[in-house]
Amino acid sequence: MTVQSISAVTLAVRDMARSLAFYRDGVGLPLRYGGEEEEFSSFRVGEGHLNLVLTPGGEWSWWGRIIFYVDDVDALYRKLTEAQTPGIEAPPEDASWGERYFHVTDPDGHELSFARRLAS
């Protein structure tokens, strides 16, 4: 199992439409997934992504997440579970946006996701 790159940084936002206007219309990032009425949106940034996730009720519960691309999501998940690593949220799953992923919290409480693109 090899970490290949940072795939994305995910930021918590209070107003998806306002944030989309800033990043899409202001900064000029191409929208890859989501929209004004969605809870999750993703922009293409070079080879990576900037993701936005709507915070329920506008309350800040966390800052966001860093997403690493790996060559084998399931192998890393097995390695971490076999080592009884705390902070694993759930087993890997295939997401509607075309990635297989799982989340884990590091020892200092930073949220990380490990993912790979699904074959199209």
PDB file of N, CA and C in Angstrom:
ATOM      1  N   MET A   1       0.853  -1.173   0.000  1.00  0.00           N
ATOM      2  CA  MET A   1       0.000   0.000   0.000  1.00  0.00           C
ATOM      3  C   MET A   1       0.891   1.226   0.000  1.00  0.00           C
ATOM      4  N   THR A   2       0.611   2.149  -0.914  1.00  0.00           N
ATOM      5  CA  THR A   2       1.408   3.366  -1.046  1.00  0.00           C
ATOM      6  C   THR A   2       0.497   4.579  -1.120  1.00  0.00           C
ATOM      7  N   VAL A   3       0.815   5.600  -0.309  1.00  0.00           N
ATOM      8  CA  VAL A   3       0.123   6.879  -0.440  1.00  0.00           C
ATOM      9  C   VAL A   3       0.708   7.563  -1.663  1.00  0.00           C
ATOM     10  N   GLN A   4      -0.148   7.957  -2.601  1.00  0.00           N
ATOM     11  CA  GLN A   4       0.309   8.498  -3.872  1.00  0.00           C
ATOM     12  C   GLN A   4       0.256  10.012  -3.945  1.00  0.00           C
ATOM     13  N   SER A   5      -0.762  10.628  -3.335  1.00  0.00           N
ATOM     14  CA  SER A   5      -0.891  12.083  -3.411  1.00  0.00           C
ATOM     15  C   SER A   5      -1.980  12.549  -2.467  1.00  0.00           C
ATOM     16  N   ILE A   6      -2.043  13.862  -2.258  1.00  0.00           N
ATOM     17  CA  ILE A   6      -3.205  14.437  -1.593  1.00  0.00           C
ATOM     18  C   ILE A   6      -4.244  14.631  -2.680  1.00  0.00           C
ATOM     19  N   SER A   7      -5.358  13.966  -2.523  1.00  0.00           N
ATOM     20  CA  SER A   7      -6.444  14.041  -3.491  1.00  0.00           C
ATOM     21  C   SER A   7      -7.265  15.301  -3.300  1.00  0.00           C
ATOM     22  N   ALA A   8      -7.525  15.644  -2.032  1.00  0.00           N
ATOM     23  CA  ALA A   8      -8.423  16.768  -1.787  1.00  0.00           C
ATOM     24  C   ALA A   8      -8.282  17.296  -0.380  1.00  0.00           C
ATOM     25  N   VAL A   9      -8.689  18.521  -0.227  1.00  0.00           N
ATOM     26  CA  VAL A   9      -8.921  19.127   1.075  1.00  0.00           C
ATOM     27  C   VAL A   9     -10.406  19.439   1.118  1.00  0.00           C
ATOM     28  N   THR A  10     -11.077  19.055   2.210  1.00  0.00           N
ATOM     29  CA  THR A  10     -12.498  19.305   2.372  1.00  0.00           C
ATOM     30  C   THR A  10     -12.682  20.372   3.437  1.00  0.00           C
ATOM     31  N   LEU A  11     -13.445  21.402   3.091  1.00  0.00           N
ATOM     32  CA  LEU A  11     -13.718  22.493   4.015  1.00  0.00           C
ATOM     33  C   LEU A  11     -15.186  22.498   4.413  1.00  0.00           C
ATOM     34  N   ALA A  12     -15.459  22.747   5.687  1.00  0.00           N
ATOM     35  CA  ALA A  12     -16.826  22.927   6.158  1.00  0.00           C
ATOM     36  C   ALA A  12     -17.289  24.327   5.777  1.00  0.00           C
ATOM     37  N   VAL A  13     -18.522  24.439   5.280  1.00  0.00           N
ATOM     38  CA  VAL A  13     -19.079  25.744   4.896  1.00  0.00           C
ATOM     39  C   VAL A  13     -20.453  25.919   5.527  1.00  0.00           C
ATOM     40  N   ARG A  14     -20.849  27.175   5.728  1.00  0.00           N
ATOM     41  CA  ARG A  14     -22.151  27.479   6.327  1.00  0.00           C
ATOM     42  C   ARG A  14     -23.246  27.677   5.279  1.00  0.00           C
ATOM     43  N   ASP A  15     -22.878  28.097   4.060  1.00  0.00           N
ATOM     44  CA  ASP A  15     -23.849  28.410   3.015  1.00  0.00           C
ATOM     45  C   ASP A  15     -23.273  27.912   1.681  1.00  0.00           C
ATOM     46  N   MET A  16     -23.817  26.792   1.191  1.00  0.00           N
ATOM     47  CA  MET A  16     -23.256  26.167  -0.004  1.00  0.00           C
ATOM     48  C   MET A  16     -23.349  27.087  -1.209  1.00  0.00           C
ATOM     49  N   ALA A  17     -24.491  27.732  -1.427  1.00  0.00           N
ATOM     50  CA  ALA A  17     -24.653  28.605  -2.597  1.00  0.00           C
ATOM     51  C   ALA A  17     -23.634  29.745  -2.555  1.00  0.00           C
ATOM     52  N   ARG A  18     -23.438  30.351  -1.398  1.00  0.00           N
ATOM     53  CA  ARG A  18     -22.479  31.453  -1.262  1.00  0.00           C
ATOM     54  C   ARG A  18     -21.058  30.960  -1.530  1.00  0.00           C
ATOM     55  N   SER A  19     -20.735  29.792  -0.989  1.00  0.00           N
ATOM     56  CA  SER A  19     -19.387  29.246  -1.187  1.00  0.00           C
ATOM     57  C   SER A  19     -19.154  28.844  -2.632  1.00  0.00           C
ATOM     58  N   LEU A  20     -20.168  28.261  -3.280  1.00  0.00           N
ATOM     59  CA  LEU A  20     -20.032  27.909  -4.694  1.00  0.00           C
ATOM     60  C   LEU A  20     -19.817  29.159  -5.534  1.00  0.00           C
ATOM     61  N   ALA A  21     -20.553  30.209  -5.226  1.00  0.00           N
ATOM     62  CA  ALA A  21     -20.379  31.462  -5.972  1.00  0.00           C
ATOM     63  C   ALA A  21     -18.951  31.965  -5.830  1.00  0.00           C
ATOM     64  N   PHE A  22     -18.386  31.874  -4.638  1.00  0.00           N
ATOM     65  CA  PHE A  22     -17.024  32.347  -4.418  1.00  0.00           C
ATOM     66  C   PHE A  22     -16.014  31.508  -5.202  1.00  0.00           C
ATOM     67  N   TYR A  23     -16.053  30.184  -5.014  1.00  0.00           N
ATOM     68  CA  TYR A  23     -15.035  29.320  -5.624  1.00  0.00           C
ATOM     69  C   TYR A  23     -15.248  29.112  -7.124  1.00  0.00           C
ATOM     70  N   ARG A  24     -16.493  28.970  -7.557  1.00  0.00           N
ATOM     71  CA  ARG A  24     -16.778  28.732  -8.972  1.00  0.00           C
ATOM     72  C   ARG A  24     -16.748  30.033  -9.770  1.00  0.00           C
ATOM     73  N   ASP A  25     -17.545  30.999  -9.331  1.00  0.00           N
ATOM     74  CA  ASP A  25     -17.704  32.230 -10.095  1.00  0.00           C
ATOM     75  C   ASP A  25     -16.583  33.228  -9.826  1.00  0.00           C
ATOM     76  N   GLY A  26     -16.130  33.314  -8.585  1.00  0.00           N
ATOM     77  CA  GLY A  26     -15.084  34.266  -8.236  1.00  0.00           C
ATOM     78  C   GLY A  26     -13.690  33.765  -8.556  1.00  0.00           C
ATOM     79  N   VAL A  27     -13.335  32.611  -7.976  1.00  0.00           N
ATOM     80  CA  VAL A  27     -11.995  32.049  -8.168  1.00  0.00           C
ATOM     81  C   VAL A  27     -11.863  31.375  -9.528  1.00  0.00           C
ATOM     82  N   GLY A  28     -12.959  30.840 -10.052  1.00  0.00           N
ATOM     83  CA  GLY A  28     -12.933  30.216 -11.372  1.00  0.00           C
ATOM     84  C   GLY A  28     -12.659  28.726 -11.375  1.00  0.00           C
ATOM     85  N   LEU A  29     -12.914  28.045 -10.252  1.00  0.00           N
ATOM     86  CA  LEU A  29     -12.691  26.598 -10.213  1.00  0.00           C
ATOM     87  C   LEU A  29     -13.843  25.872 -10.904  1.00  0.00           C
ATOM     88  N   PRO A  30     -13.550  24.839 -11.693  1.00  0.00           N
ATOM     89  CA  PRO A  30     -14.616  24.084 -12.350  1.00  0.00           C
ATOM     90  C   PRO A  30     -15.312  23.132 -11.371  1.00  0.00           C
ATOM     91  N   LEU A  31     -16.633  23.220 -11.295  1.00  0.00           N
ATOM     92  CA  LEU A  31     -17.426  22.352 -10.433  1.00  0.00           C
ATOM     93  C   LEU A  31     -17.470  20.959 -11.039  1.00  0.00           C
ATOM     94  N   ARG A  32     -17.110  19.964 -10.244  1.00  0.00           N
ATOM     95  CA  ARG A  32     -17.094  18.572 -10.704  1.00  0.00           C
ATOM     96  C   ARG A  32     -18.318  17.809 -10.224  1.00  0.00           C
ATOM     97  N   TYR A  33     -18.823  18.179  -9.033  1.00  0.00           N
ATOM     98  CA  TYR A  33     -19.904  17.412  -8.401  1.00  0.00           C
ATOM     99  C   TYR A  33     -20.636  18.324  -7.428  1.00  0.00           C
ATOM    100  N   GLY A  34     -21.950  18.166  -7.310  1.00  0.00           N
ATOM    101  CA  GLY A  34     -22.709  18.910  -6.315  1.00  0.00           C
ATOM    102  C   GLY A  34     -23.442  20.097  -6.916  1.00  0.00           C
ATOM    103  N   GLY A  35     -23.759  21.069  -6.062  1.00  0.00           N
ATOM    104  CA  GLY A  35     -24.479  22.259  -6.494  1.00  0.00           C
ATOM    105  C   GLY A  35     -25.041  23.017  -5.312  1.00  0.00           C
ATOM    106  N   GLU A  36     -25.751  24.097  -5.605  1.00  0.00           N
ATOM    107  CA  GLU A  36     -26.255  25.007  -4.578  1.00  0.00           C
ATOM    108  C   GLU A  36     -27.142  24.336  -3.537  1.00  0.00           C
ATOM    109  N   GLU A  37     -27.930  23.352  -3.942  1.00  0.00           N
ATOM    110  CA  GLU A  37     -28.872  22.694  -3.031  1.00  0.00           C
ATOM    111  C   GLU A  37     -28.301  21.420  -2.403  1.00  0.00           C
ATOM    112  N   GLU A  38     -27.049  21.107  -2.693  1.00  0.00           N
ATOM    113  CA  GLU A  38     -26.436  19.873  -2.201  1.00  0.00           C
ATOM    114  C   GLU A  38     -25.704  20.103  -0.876  1.00  0.00           C
ATOM    115  N   GLU A  39     -25.477  19.021  -0.150  1.00  0.00           N
ATOM    116  CA  GLU A  39     -24.708  19.095   1.098  1.00  0.00           C
ATOM    117  C   GLU A  39     -23.221  18.918   0.854  1.00  0.00           C
ATOM    118  N   PHE A  40     -22.860  18.457  -0.354  1.00  0.00           N
ATOM    119  CA  PHE A  40     -21.457  18.199  -0.691  1.00  0.00           C
ATOM    120  C   PHE A  40     -21.220  18.644  -2.130  1.00  0.00           C
ATOM    121  N   SER A  41     -20.144  19.392  -2.345  1.00  0.00           N
ATOM    122  CA  SER A  41     -19.749  19.811  -3.693  1.00  0.00           C
ATOM    123  C   SER A  41     -18.246  19.667  -3.832  1.00  0.00           C
ATOM    124  N   SER A  42     -17.786  19.476  -5.064  1.00  0.00           N
ATOM    125  CA  SER A  42     -16.364  19.254  -5.306  1.00  0.00           C
ATOM    126  C   SER A  42     -15.917  20.000  -6.552  1.00  0.00           C
ATOM    127  N   PHE A  43     -14.762  20.665  -6.440  1.00  0.00           N
ATOM    128  CA  PHE A  43     -14.147  21.385  -7.549  1.00  0.00           C
ATOM    129  C   PHE A  43     -12.860  20.686  -7.955  1.00  0.00           C
ATOM    130  N   ARG A  44     -12.546  20.739  -9.228  1.00  0.00           N
ATOM    131  CA  ARG A  44     -11.268  20.241  -9.733  1.00  0.00           C
ATOM    132  C   ARG A  44     -10.227  21.328  -9.520  1.00  0.00           C
ATOM    133  N   VAL A  45      -9.085  20.944  -8.952  1.00  0.00           N
ATOM    134  CA  VAL A  45      -7.952  21.855  -8.778  1.00  0.00           C
ATOM    135  C   VAL A  45      -6.718  21.098  -9.255  1.00  0.00           C
ATOM    136  N   GLY A  46      -6.331  21.299 -10.505  1.00  0.00           N
ATOM    137  CA  GLY A  46      -5.213  20.534 -11.070  1.00  0.00           C
ATOM    138  C   GLY A  46      -5.550  19.060 -11.051  1.00  0.00           C
ATOM    139  N   GLU A  47      -4.700  18.264 -10.427  1.00  0.00           N
ATOM    140  CA  GLU A  47      -4.943  16.825 -10.299  1.00  0.00           C
ATOM    141  C   GLU A  47      -5.761  16.502  -9.058  1.00  0.00           C
ATOM    142  N   GLY A  48      -6.016  17.486  -8.199  1.00  0.00           N
ATOM    143  CA  GLY A  48      -6.727  17.262  -6.954  1.00  0.00           C
ATOM    144  C   GLY A  48      -8.077  17.957  -6.919  1.00  0.00           C
ATOM    145  N   HIS A  49      -8.607  18.083  -5.719  1.00  0.00           N
ATOM    146  CA  HIS A  49      -9.941  18.643  -5.541  1.00  0.00           C
ATOM    147  C   HIS A  49     -10.009  19.522  -4.297  1.00  0.00           C
ATOM    148  N   LEU A  50     -10.927  20.472  -4.353  1.00  0.00           N
ATOM    149  CA  LEU A  50     -11.369  21.209  -3.176  1.00  0.00           C
ATOM    150  C   LEU A  50     -12.819  20.814  -2.981  1.00  0.00           C
ATOM    151  N   ASN A  51     -13.109  20.207  -1.830  1.00  0.00           N
ATOM    152  CA  ASN A  51     -14.466  19.789  -1.507  1.00  0.00           C
ATOM    153  C   ASN A  51     -15.056  20.735  -0.485  1.00  0.00           C
ATOM    154  N   LEU A  52     -16.360  20.943  -0.586  1.00  0.00           N
ATOM    155  CA  LEU A  52     -17.101  21.745   0.388  1.00  0.00           C
ATOM    156  C   LEU A  52     -18.199  20.872   0.962  1.00  0.00           C
ATOM    157  N   VAL A  53     -18.349  20.886   2.285  1.00  0.00           N
ATOM    158  CA  VAL A  53     -19.418  20.133   2.931  1.00  0.00           C
ATOM    159  C   VAL A  53     -20.200  21.092   3.826  1.00  0.00           C
ATOM    160  N   LEU A  54     -21.516  21.044   3.703  1.00  0.00           N
ATOM    161  CA  LEU A  54     -22.394  21.933   4.447  1.00  0.00           C
ATOM    162  C   LEU A  54     -22.478  21.481   5.893  1.00  0.00           C
ATOM    163  N   THR A  55     -22.285  22.405   6.822  1.00  0.00           N
ATOM    164  CA  THR A  55     -22.380  22.073   8.243  1.00  0.00           C
ATOM    165  C   THR A  55     -23.831  22.215   8.689  1.00  0.00           C
ATOM    166  N   PRO A  56     -24.360  21.212   9.380  1.00  0.00           N
ATOM    167  CA  PRO A  56     -25.763  21.269   9.812  1.00  0.00           C
ATOM    168  C   PRO A  56     -26.020  22.488  10.697  1.00  0.00           C
ATOM    169  N   GLY A  57     -27.018  23.271  10.353  1.00  0.00           N
ATOM    170  CA  GLY A  57     -27.381  24.433  11.145  1.00  0.00           C
ATOM    171  C   GLY A  57     -26.328  25.520  11.183  1.00  0.00           C
ATOM    172  N   GLY A  58     -25.298  25.410  10.340  1.00  0.00           N
ATOM    173  CA  GLY A  58     -24.246  26.411  10.320  1.00  0.00           C
ATOM    174  C   GLY A  58     -23.299  26.339  11.502  1.00  0.00           C
ATOM    175  N   GLU A  59     -23.406  25.282  12.309  1.00  0.00           N
ATOM    176  CA  GLU A  59     -22.533  25.129  13.479  1.00  0.00           C
ATOM    177  C   GLU A  59     -21.219  24.489  13.064  1.00  0.00           C
ATOM    178  N   TRP A  60     -20.120  25.029  13.550  1.00  0.00           N
ATOM    179  CA  TRP A  60     -18.807  24.449  13.250  1.00  0.00           C
ATOM    180  C   TRP A  60     -18.571  23.282  14.180  1.00  0.00           C
ATOM    181  N   SER A  61     -18.540  22.092  13.620  1.00  0.00           N
ATOM    182  CA  SER A  61     -18.215  20.920  14.423  1.00  0.00           C
ATOM    183  C   SER A  61     -16.798  20.431  14.112  1.00  0.00           C
ATOM    184  N   TRP A  62     -16.277  20.834  12.952  1.00  0.00           N
ATOM    185  CA  TRP A  62     -14.904  20.494  12.580  1.00  0.00           C
ATOM    186  C   TRP A  62     -14.468  21.391  11.448  1.00  0.00           C
ATOM    187  N   TRP A  63     -13.162  21.466  11.216  1.00  0.00           N
ATOM    188  CA  TRP A  63     -12.609  22.360  10.188  1.00  0.00           C
ATOM    189  C   TRP A  63     -12.703  21.759   8.803  1.00  0.00           C
ATOM    190  N   GLY A  64     -12.596  20.444   8.691  1.00  0.00           N
ATOM    191  CA  GLY A  64     -12.577  19.800   7.391  1.00  0.00           C
ATOM    192  C   GLY A  64     -11.807  18.497   7.430  1.00  0.00           C
ATOM    193  N   ARG A  65     -11.243  18.106   6.268  1.00  0.00           N
ATOM    194  CA  ARG A  65     -10.590  16.802   6.162  1.00  0.00           C
ATOM    195  C   ARG A  65      -9.560  16.866   5.038  1.00  0.00           C
ATOM    196  N   ILE A  66      -8.461  16.126   5.192  1.00  0.00           N
ATOM    197  CA  ILE A  66      -7.494  15.932   4.115  1.00  0.00           C
ATOM    198  C   ILE A  66      -7.724  14.539   3.545  1.00  0.00           C
ATOM    199  N   ILE A  67      -7.739  14.443   2.226  1.00  0.00           N
ATOM    200  CA  ILE A  67      -7.977  13.164   1.559  1.00  0.00           C
ATOM    201  C   ILE A  67      -6.719  12.764   0.802  1.00  0.00           C
ATOM    202  N   PHE A  68      -6.224  11.579   1.116  1.00  0.00           N
ATOM    203  CA  PHE A  68      -5.039  11.034   0.459  1.00  0.00           C
ATOM    204  C   PHE A  68      -5.476   9.966  -0.530  1.00  0.00           C
ATOM    205  N   TYR A  69      -4.905   9.997  -1.734  1.00  0.00           N
ATOM    206  CA  TYR A  69      -5.088   8.892  -2.668  1.00  0.00           C
ATOM    207  C   TYR A  69      -4.062   7.814  -2.347  1.00  0.00           C
ATOM    208  N   VAL A  70      -4.541   6.581  -2.326  1.00  0.00           N
ATOM    209  CA  VAL A  70      -3.679   5.421  -2.103  1.00  0.00           C
ATOM    210  C   VAL A  70      -3.943   4.414  -3.211  1.00  0.00           C
ATOM    211  N   ASP A  71      -3.013   3.495  -3.401  1.00  0.00           N
ATOM    212  CA  ASP A  71      -3.203   2.513  -4.472  1.00  0.00           C
ATOM    213  C   ASP A  71      -4.150   1.385  -4.074  1.00  0.00           C
ATOM    214  N   ASP A  72      -4.349   1.144  -2.768  1.00  0.00           N
ATOM    215  CA  ASP A  72      -5.218   0.051  -2.331  1.00  0.00           C
ATOM    216  C   ASP A  72      -5.900   0.429  -1.022  1.00  0.00           C
ATOM    217  N   VAL A  73      -7.117   0.944  -1.126  1.00  0.00           N
ATOM    218  CA  VAL A  73      -7.885   1.394   0.046  1.00  0.00           C
ATOM    219  C   VAL A  73      -8.126   0.243   1.009  1.00  0.00           C
ATOM    220  N   ASP A  74      -8.535  -0.908   0.484  1.00  0.00           N
ATOM    221  CA  ASP A  74      -8.881  -2.037   1.346  1.00  0.00           C
ATOM    222  C   ASP A  74      -7.664  -2.590   2.075  1.00  0.00           C
ATOM    223  N   ALA A  75      -6.508  -2.606   1.429  1.00  0.00           N
ATOM    224  CA  ALA A  75      -5.286  -3.092   2.088  1.00  0.00           C
ATOM    225  C   ALA A  75      -4.904  -2.169   3.240  1.00  0.00           C
ATOM    226  N   LEU A  76      -5.005  -0.856   3.041  1.00  0.00           N
ATOM    227  CA  LEU A  76      -4.685   0.073   4.129  1.00  0.00           C
ATOM    228  C   LEU A  76      -5.687  -0.081   5.267  1.00  0.00           C
ATOM    229  N   TYR A  77      -6.953  -0.222   4.946  1.00  0.00           N
ATOM    230  CA  TYR A  77      -7.973  -0.431   5.975  1.00  0.00           C
ATOM    231  C   TYR A  77      -7.650  -1.687   6.795  1.00  0.00           C
ATOM    232  N   ARG A  78      -7.323  -2.793   6.116  1.00  0.00           N
ATOM    233  CA  ARG A  78      -6.970  -4.029   6.826  1.00  0.00           C
ATOM    234  C   ARG A  78      -5.749  -3.816   7.712  1.00  0.00           C
ATOM    235  N   LYS A  79      -4.734  -3.133   7.185  1.00  0.00           N
ATOM    236  CA  LYS A  79      -3.512  -2.874   7.956  1.00  0.00           C
ATOM    237  C   LYS A  79      -3.830  -2.096   9.240  1.00  0.00           C
ATOM    238  N   LEU A  80      -4.648  -1.055   9.109  1.00  0.00           N
ATOM    239  CA  LEU A  80      -4.984  -0.233  10.281  1.00  0.00           C
ATOM    240  C   LEU A  80      -5.880  -0.982  11.264  1.00  0.00           C
ATOM    241  N   THR A  81      -6.833  -1.774  10.769  1.00  0.00           N
ATOM    242  CA  THR A  81      -7.697  -2.520  11.686  1.00  0.00           C
ATOM    243  C   THR A  81      -6.926  -3.642  12.367  1.00  0.00           C
ATOM    244  N   GLU A  82      -6.030  -4.310  11.650  1.00  0.00           N
ATOM    245  CA  GLU A  82      -5.207  -5.354  12.264  1.00  0.00           C
ATOM    246  C   GLU A  82      -4.306  -4.789  13.355  1.00  0.00           C
ATOM    247  N   ALA A  83      -3.886  -3.542  13.190  1.00  0.00           N
ATOM    248  CA  ALA A  83      -3.060  -2.875  14.212  1.00  0.00           C
ATOM    249  C   ALA A  83      -3.926  -2.253  15.308  1.00  0.00           C
ATOM    250  N   GLN A  84      -5.241  -2.480  15.242  1.00  0.00           N
ATOM    251  CA  GLN A  84      -6.197  -1.947  16.213  1.00  0.00           C
ATOM    252  C   GLN A  84      -6.079  -0.432  16.357  1.00  0.00           C
ATOM    253  N   THR A  85      -5.935   0.234  15.219  1.00  0.00           N
ATOM    254  CA  THR A  85      -5.833   1.688  15.188  1.00  0.00           C
ATOM    255  C   THR A  85      -7.164   2.295  15.608  1.00  0.00           C
ATOM    256  N   PRO A  86      -7.158   3.151  16.635  1.00  0.00           N
ATOM    257  CA  PRO A  86      -8.414   3.819  17.001  1.00  0.00           C
ATOM    258  C   PRO A  86      -8.775   4.896  15.978  1.00  0.00           C
ATOM    259  N   GLY A  87     -10.027   5.275  15.941  1.00  0.00           N
ATOM    260  CA  GLY A  87     -10.443   6.394  15.113  1.00  0.00           C
ATOM    261  C   GLY A  87     -10.953   6.039  13.737  1.00  0.00           C
ATOM    262  N   ILE A  88     -11.016   4.744  13.395  1.00  0.00           N
ATOM    263  CA  ILE A  88     -11.559   4.353  12.090  1.00  0.00           C
ATOM    264  C   ILE A  88     -13.080   4.450  12.176  1.00  0.00           C
ATOM    265  N   GLU A  89     -13.679   5.199  11.254  1.00  0.00           N
ATOM    266  CA  GLU A  89     -15.122   5.444  11.317  1.00  0.00           C
ATOM    267  C   GLU A  89     -15.954   4.284  10.801  1.00  0.00           C
ATOM    268  N   ALA A  90     -15.575   3.686   9.676  1.00  0.00           N
ATOM    269  CA  ALA A  90     -16.365   2.625   9.050  1.00  0.00           C
ATOM    270  C   ALA A  90     -15.504   1.954   7.990  1.00  0.00           C
ATOM    271  N   PRO A  91     -15.897   0.762   7.551  1.00  0.00           N
ATOM    272  CA  PRO A  91     -15.161   0.089   6.477  1.00  0.00           C
ATOM    273  C   PRO A  91     -15.227   0.886   5.173  1.00  0.00           C
ATOM    274  N   PRO A  92     -14.321   0.593   4.236  1.00  0.00           N
ATOM    275  CA  PRO A  92     -14.353   1.268   2.936  1.00  0.00           C
ATOM    276  C   PRO A  92     -15.685   1.070   2.227  1.00  0.00           C
ATOM    277  N   GLU A  93     -16.062   2.095   1.464  1.00  0.00           N
ATOM    278  CA  GLU A  93     -17.279   1.999   0.651  1.00  0.00           C
ATOM    279  C   GLU A  93     -17.084   2.769  -0.647  1.00  0.00           C
ATOM    280  N   ASP A  94     -17.912   2.422  -1.628  1.00  0.00           N
ATOM    281  CA  ASP A  94     -17.908   3.121  -2.916  1.00  0.00           C
ATOM    282  C   ASP A  94     -18.871   4.297  -2.829  1.00  0.00           C
ATOM    283  N   ALA A  95     -18.395   5.472  -3.210  1.00  0.00           N
ATOM    284  CA  ALA A  95     -19.198   6.694  -3.122  1.00  0.00           C
ATOM    285  C   ALA A  95     -19.793   7.063  -4.473  1.00  0.00           C
ATOM    286  N   SER A  96     -20.886   7.811  -4.432  1.00  0.00           N
ATOM    287  CA  SER A  96     -21.573   8.226  -5.661  1.00  0.00           C
ATOM    288  C   SER A  96     -20.708   9.142  -6.521  1.00  0.00           C
ATOM    289  N   TRP A  97     -19.692   9.772  -5.945  1.00  0.00           N
ATOM    290  CA  TRP A  97     -18.828  10.675  -6.722  1.00  0.00           C
ATOM    291  C   TRP A  97     -17.661   9.944  -7.365  1.00  0.00           C
ATOM    292  N   GLY A  98     -17.639   8.602  -7.284  1.00  0.00           N
ATOM    293  CA  GLY A  98     -16.677   7.828  -8.054  1.00  0.00           C
ATOM    294  C   GLY A  98     -15.387   7.472  -7.346  1.00  0.00           C
ATOM    295  N   GLU A  99     -15.424   7.372  -6.027  1.00  0.00           N
ATOM    296  CA  GLU A  99     -14.234   6.964  -5.273  1.00  0.00           C
ATOM    297  C   GLU A  99     -14.603   5.885  -4.257  1.00  0.00           C
ATOM    298  N   ARG A 100     -13.649   5.032  -3.933  1.00  0.00           N
ATOM    299  CA  ARG A 100     -13.743   4.104  -2.807  1.00  0.00           C
ATOM    300  C   ARG A 100     -12.930   4.743  -1.694  1.00  0.00           C
ATOM    301  N   TYR A 101     -13.474   4.774  -0.470  1.00  0.00           N
ATOM    302  CA  TYR A 101     -12.820   5.524   0.591  1.00  0.00           C
ATOM    303  C   TYR A 101     -13.180   5.003   1.981  1.00  0.00           C
ATOM    304  N   PHE A 102     -12.406   5.439   2.977  1.00  0.00           N
ATOM    305  CA  PHE A 102     -12.786   5.331   4.384  1.00  0.00           C
ATOM    306  C   PHE A 102     -12.147   6.486   5.136  1.00  0.00           C
ATOM    307  N   HIS A 103     -12.726   6.798   6.298  1.00  0.00           N
ATOM    308  CA  HIS A 103     -12.244   7.902   7.131  1.00  0.00           C
ATOM    309  C   HIS A 103     -11.612   7.362   8.403  1.00  0.00           C
ATOM    310  N   VAL A 104     -10.631   8.112   8.898  1.00  0.00           N
ATOM    311  CA  VAL A 104      -9.994   7.807  10.182  1.00  0.00           C
ATOM    312  C   VAL A 104      -9.589   9.129  10.834  1.00  0.00           C
ATOM    313  N   THR A 105      -9.587   9.146  12.151  1.00  0.00           N
ATOM    314  CA  THR A 105      -9.125  10.315  12.890  1.00  0.00           C
ATOM    315  C   THR A 105      -7.737  10.018  13.412  1.00  0.00           C
ATOM    316  N   ASP A 106      -6.788  10.941  13.181  1.00  0.00           N
ATOM    317  CA  ASP A 106      -5.422  10.711  13.651  1.00  0.00           C
ATOM    318  C   ASP A 106      -5.333  10.932  15.162  1.00  0.00           C
ATOM    319  N   PRO A 107      -4.186  10.633  15.783  1.00  0.00           N
ATOM    320  CA  PRO A 107      -4.078  10.741  17.238  1.00  0.00           C
ATOM    321  C   PRO A 107      -4.364  12.131  17.803  1.00  0.00           C
ATOM    322  N   ASP A 108      -4.264  13.178  16.983  1.00  0.00           N
ATOM    323  CA  ASP A 108      -4.540  14.527  17.462  1.00  0.00           C
ATOM    324  C   ASP A 108      -5.925  15.025  17.056  1.00  0.00           C
ATOM    325  N   GLY A 109      -6.757  14.143  16.495  1.00  0.00           N
ATOM    326  CA  GLY A 109      -8.123  14.513  16.156  1.00  0.00           C
ATOM    327  C   GLY A 109      -8.323  15.063  14.760  1.00  0.00           C
ATOM    328  N   HIS A 110      -7.289  15.037  13.901  1.00  0.00           N
ATOM    329  CA  HIS A 110      -7.440  15.494  12.520  1.00  0.00           C
ATOM    330  C   HIS A 110      -8.133  14.409  11.702  1.00  0.00           C
ATOM    331  N   GLU A 111      -9.120  14.812  10.917  1.00  0.00           N
ATOM    332  CA  GLU A 111      -9.842  13.848  10.101  1.00  0.00           C
ATOM    333  C   GLU A 111      -9.113  13.630   8.779  1.00  0.00           C
ATOM    334  N   LEU A 112      -8.912  12.359   8.455  1.00  0.00           N
ATOM    335  CA  LEU A 112      -8.239  11.949   7.227  1.00  0.00           C
ATOM    336  C   LEU A 112      -9.145  10.987   6.479  1.00  0.00           C
ATOM    337  N   SER A 113      -9.030  10.996   5.174  1.00  0.00           N
ATOM    338  CA  SER A 113      -9.723  10.030   4.348  1.00  0.00           C
ATOM    339  C   SER A 113      -8.693   9.423   3.414  1.00  0.00           C
ATOM    340  N   PHE A 114      -8.813   8.127   3.172  1.00  0.00           N
ATOM    341  CA  PHE A 114      -7.947   7.441   2.226  1.00  0.00           C
ATOM    342  C   PHE A 114      -8.840   6.909   1.125  1.00  0.00           C
ATOM    343  N   ALA A 115      -8.496   7.215  -0.128  1.00  0.00           N
ATOM    344  CA  ALA A 115      -9.389   6.944  -1.254  1.00  0.00           C
ATOM    345  C   ALA A 115      -8.623   6.541  -2.491  1.00  0.00           C
ATOM    346  N   ARG A 116      -9.366   6.002  -3.444  1.00  0.00           N
ATOM    347  CA  ARG A 116      -8.867   5.774  -4.805  1.00  0.00           C
ATOM    348  C   ARG A 116     -10.044   5.951  -5.740  1.00  0.00           C
ATOM    349  N   ARG A 117      -9.754   6.359  -6.965  1.00  0.00           N
ATOM    350  CA  ARG A 117     -10.818   6.491  -7.970  1.00  0.00           C
ATOM    351  C   ARG A 117     -11.329   5.114  -8.370  1.00  0.00           C
ATOM    352  N   LEU A 118     -12.615   5.031  -8.598  1.00  0.00           N
ATOM    353  CA  LEU A 118     -13.213   3.807  -9.105  1.00  0.00           C
ATOM    354  C   LEU A 118     -13.038   3.768 -10.615  1.00  0.00           C
ATOM    355  N   ALA A 119     -12.919   2.572 -11.150  1.00  0.00           N
ATOM    356  CA  ALA A 119     -12.838   2.426 -12.603  1.00  0.00           C
ATOM    357  C   ALA A 119     -14.141   2.907 -13.220  1.00  0.00           C
ATOM    358  N   SER A 120     -14.038   3.652 -14.324  1.00  0.00           N
ATOM    359  CA  SER A 120     -15.257   4.166 -14.960  1.00  0.00           C
ATOM    360  C   SER A 120     -15.885   3.166 -15.867  1.00  0.00           C
TER     361      SER A 120
END
